[in-house]
Amino acid sequence: MRTVVSRLIHSRSSLPRLLNGRYLSTDSGKVDEPFKFEEAETVNIPPPPTEKLLVLGGNGFVGSHVCREALDRGLSVASLSRSGRSSLHDPWASNVTWHKGNLLSPESLKDALDGVTSVISCVGGFGSNSYMYKINGTANINAIRAASEQGVKRFVYVSAADFGVVNYLLRGYYEGKRAAETELLTKFPYGGVILRPGFVYGTRSVGSVKLPLGVIGSPLEMLFQHTRPLNQLPLVGPLFTPPVNVTAVANVAVRAATDPVFPPGIVDVYGIQRYNQKSK
């Protein structure tokens, strides 16, 4: 980036008055020469550093929308997942640097973290309780520790809202999520953000097939906006947590990962909706 700096020069220190295009000095009645501009030498100013974002699980439902949102904002985007390159046929996918790795083997993160300034983890899964704890807990904890050691500035973790009685049925899932949240708040007290959406809806791509999950999710989100007081009921109240659009989750996740004034901590579904509206 080249910047030209100009300097204003006047022959006297007194404040002049304009007279017929020339400048009359107030102390002697003499007419001074007009102001002169002198161009200083051109200096080279380096461009601002580029933000590089690493999306963990970038070929999944939420992760793919996060990648696209980040690219739309002009960020340099990389992704790491067990399958490596995405199977999506969308044009934006070719602009992502894809890494193949397993978060249960932390050494596979080293290359992917090179030059990264912020991380968004969309890693999660279902199965047996032990498997769910590993994928939702251990894998994310490994990523959080590796990012902290690498000097990453901000880390956003897409977790999940509490659903009351459902938590007991998916114990490994939620215990893993909460363990990862605790680790994030410990390692990134000033740059760690936890998003807790409920049911995330939107267009899900499976190869070249588009599944419009918004057909169900959008009406439910509108309906549950009017049942918020029911969310306070014991045990079953959390079941009334409204769904949220995947584009809203992606929008807030990228903002939280790149905006240095975005407050650290936990953002529930209502906070996600609020931040998404503010960004619009």
C-alpha atoms as a PDB file:
ATOM      1  CA  MET A   1       0.000   0.000   0.000  1.00  0.00           C
ATOM      2  CA  ARG A   2       1.527   3.377  -1.034  1.00  0.00           C
ATOM      3  CA  THR A   3       0.537   6.606   0.701  1.00  0.00           C
ATOM      4  CA  VAL A   4       1.456  10.163  -0.327  1.00  0.00           C
ATOM      5  CA  VAL A   5       1.781  12.652   2.519  1.00  0.00           C
ATOM      6  CA  SER A   6       1.438  16.413   1.866  1.00  0.00           C
ATOM      7  CA  ARG A   7       2.673  19.214   4.105  1.00  0.00           C
ATOM      8  CA  LEU A   8       1.324  22.753   4.384  1.00  0.00           C
ATOM      9  CA  ILE A   9       3.958  25.520   4.497  1.00  0.00           C
ATOM     10  CA  HIS A  10       3.409  29.238   5.176  1.00  0.00           C
ATOM     11  CA  SER A  11       6.057  31.918   5.331  1.00  0.00           C
ATOM     12  CA  ARG A  12       4.790  33.575   8.511  1.00  0.00           C
ATOM     13  CA  SER A  13       3.400  32.337  11.825  1.00  0.00           C
ATOM     14  CA  SER A  14       0.741  35.041  12.050  1.00  0.00           C
ATOM     15  CA  LEU A  15      -2.824  34.390  10.874  1.00  0.00           C
ATOM     16  CA  PRO A  16      -3.233  35.916   7.372  1.00  0.00           C
ATOM     17  CA  ARG A  17      -6.196  37.557   5.686  1.00  0.00           C
ATOM     18  CA  LEU A  18      -7.080  36.874   2.075  1.00  0.00           C
ATOM     19  CA  LEU A  19      -6.841  39.907  -0.251  1.00  0.00           C
ATOM     20  CA  ASN A  20      -7.232  39.574  -4.027  1.00  0.00           C
ATOM     21  CA  GLY A  21      -5.947  36.045  -4.000  1.00  0.00           C
ATOM     22  CA  ARG A  22      -2.887  36.990  -1.898  1.00  0.00           C
ATOM     23  CA  TYR A  23      -2.370  37.004   1.851  1.00  0.00           C
ATOM     24  CA  LEU A  24      -2.053  40.194   3.903  1.00  0.00           C
ATOM     25  CA  SER A  25      -0.016  39.987   7.089  1.00  0.00           C
ATOM     26  CA  THR A  26      -1.788  41.568  10.061  1.00  0.00           C
ATOM     27  CA  ASP A  27       1.365  42.889  11.741  1.00  0.00           C
ATOM     28  CA  SER A  28       3.203  44.815   9.020  1.00  0.00           C
ATOM     29  CA  GLY A  29       0.770  45.513   6.222  1.00  0.00           C
ATOM     30  CA  LYS A  30       2.984  43.554   3.861  1.00  0.00           C
ATOM     31  CA  VAL A  31       1.583  41.105   1.411  1.00  0.00           C
ATOM     32  CA  ASP A  32       2.891  37.575   1.848  1.00  0.00           C
ATOM     33  CA  GLU A  33       3.206  34.879  -0.735  1.00  0.00           C
ATOM     34  CA  PRO A  34       0.319  32.349  -0.990  1.00  0.00           C
ATOM     35  CA  PHE A  35       0.383  29.074   0.897  1.00  0.00           C
ATOM     36  CA  LYS A  36       2.665  26.509  -0.682  1.00  0.00           C
ATOM     37  CA  PHE A  37       2.254  22.740  -0.648  1.00  0.00           C
ATOM     38  CA  GLU A  38       5.247  20.503  -0.577  1.00  0.00           C
ATOM     39  CA  GLU A  39       4.836  16.821  -1.382  1.00  0.00           C
ATOM     40  CA  ALA A  40       6.729  14.564   0.942  1.00  0.00           C
ATOM     41  CA  GLU A  41       8.309  11.338  -0.174  1.00  0.00           C
ATOM     42  CA  THR A  42       6.071   8.351  -0.854  1.00  0.00           C
ATOM     43  CA  VAL A  43       6.149   5.784   1.947  1.00  0.00           C
ATOM     44  CA  ASN A  44       5.271   2.113   1.793  1.00  0.00           C
ATOM     45  CA  ILE A  45       2.709   1.020   4.405  1.00  0.00           C
ATOM     46  CA  PRO A  46       2.059  -2.725   4.653  1.00  0.00           C
ATOM     47  CA  PRO A  47      -1.586  -3.811   4.248  1.00  0.00           C
ATOM     48  CA  PRO A  48      -3.481  -4.949   7.360  1.00  0.00           C
ATOM     49  CA  PRO A  49      -2.847  -8.584   8.290  1.00  0.00           C
ATOM     50  CA  THR A  50      -5.259 -11.120   6.828  1.00  0.00           C
ATOM     51  CA  GLU A  51      -7.464 -13.008   9.235  1.00  0.00           C
ATOM     52  CA  LYS A  52      -7.119 -16.752   8.758  1.00  0.00           C
ATOM     53  CA  LEU A  53      -9.943 -18.888  10.096  1.00  0.00           C
ATOM     54  CA  LEU A  54      -9.794 -22.628  10.732  1.00  0.00           C
ATOM     55  CA  VAL A  55     -13.161 -24.395  10.755  1.00  0.00           C
ATOM     56  CA  LEU A  56     -13.158 -27.789  12.458  1.00  0.00           C
ATOM     57  CA  GLY A  57     -15.745 -30.001  10.790  1.00  0.00           C
ATOM     58  CA  GLY A  58     -16.102 -27.655   7.826  1.00  0.00           C
ATOM     59  CA  ASN A  59     -17.710 -30.246   5.549  1.00  0.00           C
ATOM     60  CA  GLY A  60     -20.643 -30.830   7.917  1.00  0.00           C
ATOM     61  CA  PHE A  61     -24.026 -29.120   7.938  1.00  0.00           C
ATOM     62  CA  VAL A  62     -23.160 -26.189  10.226  1.00  0.00           C
ATOM     63  CA  GLY A  63     -19.465 -26.172   9.313  1.00  0.00           C
ATOM     64  CA  SER A  64     -20.076 -25.772   5.586  1.00  0.00           C
ATOM     65  CA  HIS A  65     -22.287 -22.736   6.207  1.00  0.00           C
ATOM     66  CA  VAL A  66     -19.601 -21.278   8.493  1.00  0.00           C
ATOM     67  CA  CYS A  67     -16.988 -21.692   5.732  1.00  0.00           C
ATOM     68  CA  ARG A  68     -19.215 -19.977   3.204  1.00  0.00           C
ATOM     69  CA  GLU A  69     -20.041 -17.108   5.568  1.00  0.00           C
ATOM     70  CA  ALA A  70     -16.341 -16.545   6.302  1.00  0.00           C
ATOM     71  CA  LEU A  71     -15.442 -16.545   2.608  1.00  0.00           C
ATOM     72  CA  ASP A  72     -18.206 -14.016   1.923  1.00  0.00           C
ATOM     73  CA  ARG A  73     -16.529 -11.742   4.466  1.00  0.00           C
ATOM     74  CA  GLY A  74     -13.208 -11.971   2.659  1.00  0.00           C
ATOM     75  CA  LEU A  75     -11.443 -14.212   5.158  1.00  0.00           C
ATOM     76  CA  SER A  76      -8.839 -16.830   4.385  1.00  0.00           C
ATOM     77  CA  VAL A  77     -10.525 -20.117   5.332  1.00  0.00           C
ATOM     78  CA  ALA A  78      -9.141 -23.575   6.089  1.00  0.00           C
ATOM     79  CA  SER A  79     -10.964 -26.642   7.360  1.00  0.00           C
ATOM     80  CA  LEU A  80      -9.962 -29.836   9.104  1.00  0.00           C
ATOM     81  CA  SER A  81     -12.070 -32.992   9.289  1.00  0.00           C
ATOM     82  CA  ARG A  82     -11.641 -36.743   9.191  1.00  0.00           C
ATOM     83  CA  SER A  83     -12.704 -36.947   5.554  1.00  0.00           C
ATOM     84  CA  GLY A  84     -10.570 -34.041   4.367  1.00  0.00           C
ATOM     85  CA  ARG A  85     -11.860 -32.287   1.267  1.00  0.00           C
ATOM     86  CA  SER A  86     -15.585 -31.643   1.159  1.00  0.00           C
ATOM     87  CA  SER A  87     -17.814 -33.625  -1.188  1.00  0.00           C
ATOM     88  CA  LEU A  88     -19.924 -30.515  -1.803  1.00  0.00           C
ATOM     89  CA  HIS A  89     -20.158 -29.362  -5.396  1.00  0.00           C
ATOM     90  CA  ASP A  90     -20.745 -25.695  -4.526  1.00  0.00           C
ATOM     91  CA  PRO A  91     -18.259 -23.275  -6.157  1.00  0.00           C
ATOM     92  CA  TRP A  92     -17.140 -21.742  -2.841  1.00  0.00           C
ATOM     93  CA  ALA A  93     -15.735 -25.103  -1.668  1.00  0.00           C
ATOM     94  CA  SER A  94     -12.741 -24.710  -3.998  1.00  0.00           C
ATOM     95  CA  ASN A  95     -11.708 -21.565  -2.084  1.00  0.00           C
ATOM     96  CA  VAL A  96     -11.225 -23.467   1.189  1.00  0.00           C
ATOM     97  CA  THR A  97      -7.939 -25.108   2.125  1.00  0.00           C
ATOM     98  CA  TRP A  98      -8.966 -28.624   3.184  1.00  0.00           C
ATOM     99  CA  HIS A  99      -6.967 -30.630   5.721  1.00  0.00           C
ATOM    100  CA  LYS A 100      -7.512 -34.249   6.655  1.00  0.00           C
ATOM    101  CA  GLY A 101      -7.012 -35.077  10.314  1.00  0.00           C
ATOM    102  CA  ASN A 102      -8.425 -36.582  13.492  1.00  0.00           C
ATOM    103  CA  LEU A 103      -8.834 -34.430  16.597  1.00  0.00           C
ATOM    104  CA  LEU A 104      -8.349 -37.531  18.740  1.00  0.00           C
ATOM    105  CA  SER A 105      -4.761 -37.417  17.423  1.00  0.00           C
ATOM    106  CA  PRO A 106      -3.749 -33.827  18.275  1.00  0.00           C
ATOM    107  CA  GLU A 107      -0.558 -33.938  16.193  1.00  0.00           C
ATOM    108  CA  SER A 108      -2.714 -33.887  13.043  1.00  0.00           C
ATOM    109  CA  LEU A 109      -3.687 -30.315  13.954  1.00  0.00           C
ATOM    110  CA  LYS A 110      -0.209 -28.808  13.649  1.00  0.00           C
ATOM    111  CA  ASP A 111      -0.202 -28.080   9.921  1.00  0.00           C
ATOM    112  CA  ALA A 112      -3.812 -26.924   9.898  1.00  0.00           C
ATOM    113  CA  LEU A 113      -3.135 -24.369  12.675  1.00  0.00           C
ATOM    114  CA  ASP A 114      -0.241 -22.731  10.848  1.00  0.00           C
ATOM    115  CA  GLY A 115      -0.921 -18.988  10.583  1.00  0.00           C
ATOM    116  CA  VAL A 116      -4.437 -19.319  12.014  1.00  0.00           C
ATOM    117  CA  THR A 117      -5.799 -16.364  14.006  1.00  0.00           C
ATOM    118  CA  SER A 118      -9.139 -17.871  15.045  1.00  0.00           C
ATOM    119  CA  VAL A 119     -10.882 -21.250  15.196  1.00  0.00           C
ATOM    120  CA  ILE A 120     -14.525 -22.302  15.009  1.00  0.00           C
ATOM    121  CA  SER A 121     -15.323 -25.867  16.038  1.00  0.00           C
ATOM    122  CA  CYS A 122     -18.475 -27.480  14.675  1.00  0.00           C
ATOM    123  CA  VAL A 123     -17.344 -30.972  15.657  1.00  0.00           C
ATOM    124  CA  GLY A 124     -19.923 -33.247  17.279  1.00  0.00           C
ATOM    125  CA  GLY A 125     -21.688 -36.543  16.821  1.00  0.00           C
ATOM    126  CA  PHE A 126     -24.012 -39.198  18.183  1.00  0.00           C
ATOM    127  CA  GLY A 127     -23.572 -42.857  19.118  1.00  0.00           C
ATOM    128  CA  SER A 128     -22.856 -44.710  22.330  1.00  0.00           C
ATOM    129  CA  ASN A 129     -22.234 -42.642  25.456  1.00  0.00           C
ATOM    130  CA  SER A 130     -18.485 -43.326  25.351  1.00  0.00           C
ATOM    131  CA  TYR A 131     -18.295 -42.417  21.648  1.00  0.00           C
ATOM    132  CA  MET A 132     -20.317 -39.236  22.126  1.00  0.00           C
ATOM    133  CA  TYR A 133     -18.072 -38.122  24.970  1.00  0.00           C
ATOM    134  CA  LYS A 134     -14.971 -38.631  22.809  1.00  0.00           C
ATOM    135  CA  ILE A 135     -16.322 -36.758  19.786  1.00  0.00           C
ATOM    136  CA  ASN A 136     -18.061 -33.920  21.604  1.00  0.00           C
ATOM    137  CA  GLY A 137     -15.678 -33.700  24.543  1.00  0.00           C
ATOM    138  CA  THR A 138     -12.193 -35.149  24.089  1.00  0.00           C
ATOM    139  CA  ALA A 139     -11.813 -34.166  20.417  1.00  0.00           C
ATOM    140  CA  ASN A 140     -12.763 -30.550  21.099  1.00  0.00           C
ATOM    141  CA  ILE A 141     -10.646 -30.375  24.243  1.00  0.00           C
ATOM    142  CA  ASN A 142      -7.628 -31.494  22.195  1.00  0.00           C
ATOM    143  CA  ALA A 143      -8.365 -28.788  19.619  1.00  0.00           C
ATOM    144  CA  ILE A 144      -8.764 -26.088  22.285  1.00  0.00           C
ATOM    145  CA  ARG A 145      -5.445 -26.978  23.916  1.00  0.00           C
ATOM    146  CA  ALA A 146      -3.598 -27.129  20.591  1.00  0.00           C
ATOM    147  CA  ALA A 147      -5.005 -23.759  19.513  1.00  0.00           C
ATOM    148  CA  SER A 148      -4.051 -22.193  22.839  1.00  0.00           C
ATOM    149  CA  GLU A 149      -0.486 -23.489  22.572  1.00  0.00           C
ATOM    150  CA  GLN A 150      -0.291 -22.169  18.998  1.00  0.00           C
ATOM    151  CA  GLY A 151      -1.253 -18.650  20.144  1.00  0.00           C
ATOM    152  CA  VAL A 152      -4.663 -18.502  18.423  1.00  0.00           C
ATOM    153  CA  LYS A 153      -6.526 -15.330  19.449  1.00  0.00           C
ATOM    154  CA  ARG A 154     -10.140 -16.487  19.506  1.00  0.00           C
ATOM    155  CA  PHE A 155     -11.936 -19.835  19.636  1.00  0.00           C
ATOM    156  CA  VAL A 156     -15.655 -20.340  19.023  1.00  0.00           C
ATOM    157  CA  TYR A 157     -17.320 -23.611  19.943  1.00  0.00           C
ATOM    158  CA  VAL A 158     -20.723 -24.506  18.507  1.00  0.00           C
ATOM    159  CA  SER A 159     -22.187 -26.462  21.411  1.00  0.00           C
ATOM    160  CA  ALA A 160     -25.855 -27.285  22.100  1.00  0.00           C
ATOM    161  CA  ALA A 161     -28.727 -25.996  24.200  1.00  0.00           C
ATOM    162  CA  ASP A 162     -29.930 -27.934  27.212  1.00  0.00           C
ATOM    163  CA  PHE A 163     -33.102 -29.893  26.522  1.00  0.00           C
ATOM    164  CA  GLY A 164     -33.973 -30.983  30.045  1.00  0.00           C
ATOM    165  CA  VAL A 165     -34.984 -34.650  30.075  1.00  0.00           C
ATOM    166  CA  VAL A 166     -33.223 -35.215  26.750  1.00  0.00           C
ATOM    167  CA  ASN A 167     -29.900 -34.601  28.485  1.00  0.00           C
ATOM    168  CA  TYR A 168     -30.319 -37.809  30.443  1.00  0.00           C
ATOM    169  CA  LEU A 169     -31.045 -39.821  27.325  1.00  0.00           C
ATOM    170  CA  LEU A 170     -27.919 -38.468  25.605  1.00  0.00           C
ATOM    171  CA  ARG A 171     -25.675 -38.318  28.650  1.00  0.00           C
ATOM    172  CA  GLY A 172     -22.377 -38.819  26.817  1.00  0.00           C
ATOM    173  CA  TYR A 173     -23.293 -36.139  24.292  1.00  0.00           C
ATOM    174  CA  TYR A 174     -24.005 -33.440  26.857  1.00  0.00           C
ATOM    175  CA  GLU A 175     -21.258 -34.427  29.290  1.00  0.00           C
ATOM    176  CA  GLY A 176     -18.785 -34.170  26.428  1.00  0.00           C
ATOM    177  CA  LYS A 177     -20.145 -30.789  25.352  1.00  0.00           C
ATOM    178  CA  ARG A 178     -19.946 -29.363  28.863  1.00  0.00           C
ATOM    179  CA  ALA A 179     -16.409 -30.686  29.393  1.00  0.00           C
ATOM    180  CA  ALA A 180     -15.300 -28.932  26.188  1.00  0.00           C
ATOM    181  CA  GLU A 181     -17.038 -25.726  27.281  1.00  0.00           C
ATOM    182  CA  THR A 182     -15.197 -25.760  30.616  1.00  0.00           C
ATOM    183  CA  GLU A 183     -11.868 -26.255  28.861  1.00  0.00           C
ATOM    184  CA  LEU A 184     -12.591 -23.394  26.447  1.00  0.00           C
ATOM    185  CA  LEU A 185     -13.463 -20.915  29.186  1.00  0.00           C
ATOM    186  CA  THR A 186     -10.249 -21.920  30.982  1.00  0.00           C
ATOM    187  CA  LYS A 187      -7.878 -21.695  28.007  1.00  0.00           C
ATOM    188  CA  PHE A 188      -9.582 -18.708  26.306  1.00  0.00           C
ATOM    189  CA  PRO A 189     -11.008 -16.546  29.121  1.00  0.00           C
ATOM    190  CA  TYR A 190     -10.931 -13.412  26.936  1.00  0.00           C
ATOM    191  CA  GLY A 191     -11.434 -14.885  23.471  1.00  0.00           C
ATOM    192  CA  GLY A 192     -13.592 -17.961  23.954  1.00  0.00           C
ATOM    193  CA  VAL A 193     -17.214 -17.950  22.805  1.00  0.00           C
ATOM    194  CA  ILE A 194     -19.708 -20.807  23.234  1.00  0.00           C
ATOM    195  CA  LEU A 195     -22.815 -20.883  21.064  1.00  0.00           C
ATOM    196  CA  ARG A 196     -25.721 -22.984  22.320  1.00  0.00           C
ATOM    197  CA  PRO A 197     -28.303 -23.305  19.548  1.00  0.00           C
ATOM    198  CA  GLY A 198     -31.188 -25.733  19.785  1.00  0.00           C
ATOM    199  CA  PHE A 199     -32.424 -27.483  16.662  1.00  0.00           C
ATOM    200  CA  VAL A 200     -30.521 -25.958  13.721  1.00  0.00           C
ATOM    201  CA  TYR A 201     -32.439 -25.890  10.452  1.00  0.00           C
ATOM    202  CA  GLY A 202     -31.640 -24.791   6.913  1.00  0.00           C
ATOM    203  CA  THR A 203     -30.662 -26.249   3.572  1.00  0.00           C
ATOM    204  CA  ARG A 204     -28.483 -29.316   4.073  1.00  0.00           C
ATOM    205  CA  SER A 205     -26.381 -30.468   1.136  1.00  0.00           C
ATOM    206  CA  VAL A 206     -25.804 -34.192   0.654  1.00  0.00           C
ATOM    207  CA  GLY A 207     -23.609 -34.403  -2.419  1.00  0.00           C
ATOM    208  CA  SER A 208     -25.606 -32.699  -5.148  1.00  0.00           C
ATOM    209  CA  VAL A 209     -28.916 -33.086  -3.262  1.00  0.00           C
ATOM    210  CA  LYS A 210     -30.364 -30.179  -1.258  1.00  0.00           C
ATOM    211  CA  LEU A 211     -32.554 -31.031   1.737  1.00  0.00           C
ATOM    212  CA  PRO A 212     -34.788 -28.066   2.748  1.00  0.00           C
ATOM    213  CA  LEU A 213     -34.923 -28.546   6.521  1.00  0.00           C
ATOM    214  CA  GLY A 214     -36.344 -25.042   6.870  1.00  0.00           C
ATOM    215  CA  VAL A 215     -39.760 -26.378   5.837  1.00  0.00           C
ATOM    216  CA  ILE A 216     -40.100 -27.647   9.416  1.00  0.00           C
ATOM    217  CA  GLY A 217     -37.700 -25.427  11.343  1.00  0.00           C
ATOM    218  CA  SER A 218     -38.822 -21.991  10.204  1.00  0.00           C
ATOM    219  CA  PRO A 219     -42.492 -22.330  11.298  1.00  0.00           C
ATOM    220  CA  LEU A 220     -41.377 -23.806  14.635  1.00  0.00           C
ATOM    221  CA  GLU A 221     -39.009 -20.896  15.242  1.00  0.00           C
ATOM    222  CA  MET A 222     -41.831 -18.422  14.695  1.00  0.00           C
ATOM    223  CA  LEU A 223     -44.189 -20.428  16.914  1.00  0.00           C
ATOM    224  CA  PHE A 224     -41.733 -20.815  19.795  1.00  0.00           C
ATOM    225  CA  GLN A 225     -40.995 -17.089  19.835  1.00  0.00           C
ATOM    226  CA  HIS A 226     -44.391 -16.712  21.519  1.00  0.00           C
ATOM    227  CA  THR A 227     -43.903 -19.543  24.015  1.00  0.00           C
ATOM    228  CA  ARG A 228     -40.706 -18.315  25.670  1.00  0.00           C
ATOM    229  CA  PRO A 229     -42.229 -18.275  29.206  1.00  0.00           C
ATOM    230  CA  LEU A 230     -42.816 -22.034  28.860  1.00  0.00           C
ATOM    231  CA  ASN A 231     -39.062 -22.471  28.635  1.00  0.00           C
ATOM    232  CA  GLN A 232     -38.904 -21.924  32.408  1.00  0.00           C
ATOM    233  CA  LEU A 233     -41.029 -24.982  33.243  1.00  0.00           C
ATOM    234  CA  PRO A 234     -39.152 -27.718  35.184  1.00  0.00           C
ATOM    235  CA  LEU A 235     -37.823 -30.660  33.141  1.00  0.00           C
ATOM    236  CA  VAL A 236     -39.945 -30.100  30.016  1.00  0.00           C
ATOM    237  CA  GLY A 237     -39.412 -26.334  29.685  1.00  0.00           C
ATOM    238  CA  PRO A 238     -36.217 -26.582  27.597  1.00  0.00           C
ATOM    239  CA  LEU A 239     -38.155 -28.582  24.986  1.00  0.00           C
ATOM    240  CA  PHE A 240     -39.725 -25.262  23.969  1.00  0.00           C
ATOM    241  CA  THR A 241     -36.344 -23.807  22.977  1.00  0.00           C
ATOM    242  CA  PRO A 242     -36.917 -22.383  19.483  1.00  0.00           C
ATOM    243  CA  PRO A 243     -35.044 -23.729  16.455  1.00  0.00           C
ATOM    244  CA  VAL A 244     -32.571 -21.386  14.761  1.00  0.00           C
ATOM    245  CA  ASN A 245     -31.546 -20.996  11.140  1.00  0.00           C
ATOM    246  CA  VAL A 246     -28.109 -22.343  10.249  1.00  0.00           C
ATOM    247  CA  THR A 247     -27.241 -19.076   8.496  1.00  0.00           C
ATOM    248  CA  ALA A 248     -27.823 -17.225  11.770  1.00  0.00           C
ATOM    249  CA  VAL A 249     -25.525 -19.622  13.627  1.00  0.00           C
ATOM    250  CA  ALA A 250     -22.837 -19.240  10.937  1.00  0.00           C
ATOM    251  CA  ASN A 251     -23.168 -15.468  10.921  1.00  0.00           C
ATOM    252  CA  VAL A 252     -22.759 -15.131  14.691  1.00  0.00           C
ATOM    253  CA  ALA A 253     -19.981 -17.755  14.835  1.00  0.00           C
ATOM    254  CA  VAL A 254     -17.842 -15.921  12.278  1.00  0.00           C
ATOM    255  CA  ARG A 255     -18.503 -12.584  13.913  1.00  0.00           C
ATOM    256  CA  ALA A 256     -17.560 -13.974  17.330  1.00  0.00           C
ATOM    257  CA  ALA A 257     -14.353 -15.443  15.888  1.00  0.00           C
ATOM    258  CA  THR A 258     -13.200 -12.270  14.164  1.00  0.00           C
ATOM    259  CA  ASP A 259     -14.613  -9.325  16.144  1.00  0.00           C
ATOM    260  CA  PRO A 260     -12.203  -8.488  19.009  1.00  0.00           C
ATOM    261  CA  VAL A 261     -14.947  -6.707  20.969  1.00  0.00           C
ATOM    262  CA  PHE A 262     -17.414  -9.602  20.810  1.00  0.00           C
ATOM    263  CA  PRO A 263     -17.852 -10.550  24.487  1.00  0.00           C
ATOM    264  CA  PRO A 264     -16.518 -13.947  25.574  1.00  0.00           C
ATOM    265  CA  GLY A 265     -18.756 -16.497  27.281  1.00  0.00           C
ATOM    266  CA  ILE A 266     -21.945 -18.420  26.525  1.00  0.00           C
ATOM    267  CA  VAL A 267     -24.505 -17.275  23.939  1.00  0.00           C
ATOM    268  CA  ASP A 268     -27.850 -19.089  24.057  1.00  0.00           C
ATOM    269  CA  VAL A 269     -30.348 -19.372  21.191  1.00  0.00           C
ATOM    270  CA  TYR A 270     -31.963 -16.036  22.025  1.00  0.00           C
ATOM    271  CA  GLY A 271     -28.553 -14.385  22.028  1.00  0.00           C
ATOM    272  CA  ILE A 272     -27.789 -15.939  18.642  1.00  0.00           C
ATOM    273  CA  GLN A 273     -31.019 -14.509  17.245  1.00  0.00           C
ATOM    274  CA  ARG A 274     -30.270 -11.098  18.751  1.00  0.00           C
ATOM    275  CA  TYR A 275     -26.692 -10.879  17.437  1.00  0.00           C
ATOM    276  CA  ASN A 276     -27.833 -12.075  14.043  1.00  0.00           C
ATOM    277  CA  GLN A 277     -30.445  -9.301  13.851  1.00  0.00           C
ATOM    278  CA  LYS A 278     -27.888  -6.676  14.903  1.00  0.00           C
ATOM    279  CA  SER A 279     -25.505  -7.721  12.159  1.00  0.00           C
ATOM    280  CA  LYS A 280     -28.244  -7.125   9.596  1.00  0.00           C
END
